[in-house]
Amino acid sequence: MSEFNNVTIVKQANVYFDGKVNSRTIRFADGSTKTLGFMQPGEYTFNTADPELMEILSGELDVQLPGSDVWQSVAGGESFNVPGNAAFTMKVKTASDYCCSFLK
């Protein structure tokens, strides 16, 4: 899906890591939530409440998922899942555009 229709967008940005990761929250009529964001190169650890689907729209990064010592390479057009109540780390190699879906 390249666009979202009939949504509510929160104007206030979500800003993390001194502005190196930014996103906007999108709310859908069915109650689901996504964020569309952009990450500059760097290493970032995030904590989840709900399970998440991270779709990398463009860019390149490595991700270390909870409970794993292995780094997985992810590029534009690929995705990965993160369980709820967990932490995961990304090493962003190139500026990366993403869509995060919160799965409830």
C-alpha atoms as a PDB file:
ATOM      1  CA  MET A   1       0.000   0.000   0.000  1.00  0.00           C
ATOM      2  CA  SER A   2       1.635   3.246  -1.117  1.00  0.00           C
ATOM      3  CA  GLU A   3      -0.877   5.617   0.511  1.00  0.00           C
ATOM      4  CA  PHE A   4      -3.414   5.715   3.328  1.00  0.00           C
ATOM      5  CA  ASN A   5      -6.912   7.157   2.905  1.00  0.00           C
ATOM      6  CA  ASN A   6      -9.400   8.498   5.475  1.00  0.00           C
ATOM      7  CA  VAL A   7      -6.946   8.782   8.363  1.00  0.00           C
ATOM      8  CA  THR A   8      -6.187  11.181  11.183  1.00  0.00           C
ATOM      9  CA  ILE A   9      -2.611  12.449  11.396  1.00  0.00           C
ATOM     10  CA  VAL A  10      -1.235  13.810  14.654  1.00  0.00           C
ATOM     11  CA  LYS A  11       0.577  17.077  13.852  1.00  0.00           C
ATOM     12  CA  GLN A  12       3.060  16.819  16.735  1.00  0.00           C
ATOM     13  CA  ALA A  13       6.167  14.889  15.671  1.00  0.00           C
ATOM     14  CA  ASN A  14       7.591  11.989  17.666  1.00  0.00           C
ATOM     15  CA  VAL A  15      11.255  12.944  18.035  1.00  0.00           C
ATOM     16  CA  TYR A  16      13.887  10.541  19.390  1.00  0.00           C
ATOM     17  CA  PHE A  17      17.671  10.443  19.790  1.00  0.00           C
ATOM     18  CA  ASP A  18      18.302  14.186  19.511  1.00  0.00           C
ATOM     19  CA  GLY A  19      16.202  14.453  16.354  1.00  0.00           C
ATOM     20  CA  LYS A  20      17.929  11.635  14.473  1.00  0.00           C
ATOM     21  CA  VAL A  21      14.693   9.588  14.430  1.00  0.00           C
ATOM     22  CA  ASN A  22      11.378  11.321  13.678  1.00  0.00           C
ATOM     23  CA  SER A  23       7.887  10.050  12.963  1.00  0.00           C
ATOM     24  CA  ARG A  24       4.245  11.088  12.695  1.00  0.00           C
ATOM     25  CA  THR A  25       1.368   9.086  14.151  1.00  0.00           C
ATOM     26  CA  ILE A  26      -1.456   8.004  11.860  1.00  0.00           C
ATOM     27  CA  ARG A  27      -4.782   6.800  13.287  1.00  0.00           C
ATOM     28  CA  PHE A  28      -7.218   4.735  11.246  1.00  0.00           C
ATOM     29  CA  ALA A  29     -11.017   4.535  11.516  1.00  0.00           C
ATOM     30  CA  ASP A  30     -10.762   0.943  12.789  1.00  0.00           C
ATOM     31  CA  GLY A  31      -8.683   2.139  15.760  1.00  0.00           C
ATOM     32  CA  SER A  32      -5.347   0.878  14.463  1.00  0.00           C
ATOM     33  CA  THR A  33      -2.232   3.047  14.603  1.00  0.00           C
ATOM     34  CA  LYS A  34       0.902   3.375  12.484  1.00  0.00           C
ATOM     35  CA  THR A  35       3.821   5.751  12.450  1.00  0.00           C
ATOM     36  CA  LEU A  36       5.627   6.975   9.351  1.00  0.00           C
ATOM     37  CA  GLY A  37       9.170   7.985  10.096  1.00  0.00           C
ATOM     38  CA  PHE A  38      12.708   8.679   9.041  1.00  0.00           C
ATOM     39  CA  MET A  39      15.986   7.579  10.672  1.00  0.00           C
ATOM     40  CA  GLN A  40      19.420   9.060  10.116  1.00  0.00           C
ATOM     41  CA  PRO A  41      22.461   6.780  10.335  1.00  0.00           C
ATOM     42  CA  GLY A  42      23.238   5.700  13.888  1.00  0.00           C
ATOM     43  CA  GLU A  43      22.493   3.027  16.487  1.00  0.00           C
ATOM     44  CA  TYR A  44      19.135   3.130  18.277  1.00  0.00           C
ATOM     45  CA  THR A  45      17.437   0.934  20.876  1.00  0.00           C
ATOM     46  CA  PHE A  46      13.646   1.057  21.122  1.00  0.00           C
ATOM     47  CA  ASN A  47      11.273  -0.460  23.657  1.00  0.00           C
ATOM     48  CA  THR A  48       7.888  -1.783  22.579  1.00  0.00           C
ATOM     49  CA  ALA A  49       4.592  -2.013  24.411  1.00  0.00           C
ATOM     50  CA  ASP A  50       2.568  -3.665  21.632  1.00  0.00           C
ATOM     51  CA  PRO A  51       3.930  -6.020  18.981  1.00  0.00           C
ATOM     52  CA  GLU A  52       5.153  -4.111  15.921  1.00  0.00           C
ATOM     53  CA  LEU A  53       5.630  -4.681  12.209  1.00  0.00           C
ATOM     54  CA  MET A  54       8.508  -2.518  10.958  1.00  0.00           C
ATOM     55  CA  GLU A  55       8.444  -1.983   7.184  1.00  0.00           C
ATOM     56  CA  ILE A  56      11.611  -0.404   5.823  1.00  0.00           C
ATOM     57  CA  LEU A  57      10.509   1.641   2.809  1.00  0.00           C
ATOM     58  CA  SER A  58      13.998   2.765   1.808  1.00  0.00           C
ATOM     59  CA  GLY A  59      17.494   2.615   3.253  1.00  0.00           C
ATOM     60  CA  GLU A  60      19.636  -0.063   4.874  1.00  0.00           C
ATOM     61  CA  LEU A  61      19.997  -1.169   8.477  1.00  0.00           C
ATOM     62  CA  ASP A  62      20.878  -4.090  10.707  1.00  0.00           C
ATOM     63  CA  VAL A  63      18.473  -5.131  13.458  1.00  0.00           C
ATOM     64  CA  GLN A  64      19.039  -7.208  16.567  1.00  0.00           C
ATOM     65  CA  LEU A  65      15.724  -8.632  17.701  1.00  0.00           C
ATOM     66  CA  PRO A  66      14.893  -9.552  21.304  1.00  0.00           C
ATOM     67  CA  GLY A  67      16.534 -12.740  22.536  1.00  0.00           C
ATOM     68  CA  SER A  68      18.948 -12.929  19.603  1.00  0.00           C
ATOM     69  CA  ASP A  69      22.677 -12.270  19.381  1.00  0.00           C
ATOM     70  CA  VAL A  70      22.445 -12.201  15.571  1.00  0.00           C
ATOM     71  CA  TRP A  71      22.221  -8.999  13.537  1.00  0.00           C
ATOM     72  CA  GLN A  72      19.841  -9.264  10.567  1.00  0.00           C
ATOM     73  CA  SER A  73      20.317  -7.029   7.507  1.00  0.00           C
ATOM     74  CA  VAL A  74      17.170  -5.258   6.317  1.00  0.00           C
ATOM     75  CA  ALA A  75      16.832  -3.052   3.222  1.00  0.00           C
ATOM     76  CA  GLY A  76      14.104  -1.013   1.569  1.00  0.00           C
ATOM     77  CA  GLY A  77      11.149  -3.219   0.655  1.00  0.00           C
ATOM     78  CA  GLU A  78      11.759  -5.614   3.568  1.00  0.00           C
ATOM     79  CA  SER A  79      10.198  -5.843   7.023  1.00  0.00           C
ATOM     80  CA  PHE A  80      10.565  -7.475  10.432  1.00  0.00           C
ATOM     81  CA  ASN A  81       8.347  -8.153  13.449  1.00  0.00           C
ATOM     82  CA  VAL A  82       9.073  -7.200  17.038  1.00  0.00           C
ATOM     83  CA  PRO A  83       7.207  -8.747  19.987  1.00  0.00           C
ATOM     84  CA  GLY A  84       5.439  -6.603  22.571  1.00  0.00           C
ATOM     85  CA  ASN A  85       7.105  -5.588  25.838  1.00  0.00           C
ATOM     86  CA  ALA A  86      10.577  -6.000  24.366  1.00  0.00           C
ATOM     87  CA  ALA A  87      13.616  -4.006  23.259  1.00  0.00           C
ATOM     88  CA  PHE A  88      15.305  -4.127  19.871  1.00  0.00           C
ATOM     89  CA  THR A  89      18.332  -2.346  18.431  1.00  0.00           C
ATOM     90  CA  MET A  90      18.870  -1.002  14.932  1.00  0.00           C
ATOM     91  CA  LYS A  91      22.168   0.057  13.357  1.00  0.00           C
ATOM     92  CA  VAL A  92      20.987   2.349  10.581  1.00  0.00           C
ATOM     93  CA  LYS A  93      23.586   2.352   7.782  1.00  0.00           C
ATOM     94  CA  THR A  94      21.906   4.798   5.389  1.00  0.00           C
ATOM     95  CA  ALA A  95      19.070   7.278   5.866  1.00  0.00           C
ATOM     96  CA  SER A  96      15.972   5.096   6.164  1.00  0.00           C
ATOM     97  CA  ASP A  97      12.266   5.708   5.651  1.00  0.00           C
ATOM     98  CA  TYR A  98       9.919   3.402   7.592  1.00  0.00           C
ATOM     99  CA  CYS A  99       6.325   2.526   8.478  1.00  0.00           C
ATOM    100  CA  CYS A 100       5.690   0.990  11.900  1.00  0.00           C
ATOM    101  CA  SER A 101       2.362  -0.805  12.471  1.00  0.00           C
ATOM    102  CA  PHE A 102       1.285  -1.401  16.053  1.00  0.00           C
ATOM    103  CA  LEU A 103      -0.344  -4.830  16.239  1.00  0.00           C
ATOM    104  CA  LYS A 104      -2.880  -5.309  19.015  1.00  0.00           C
END
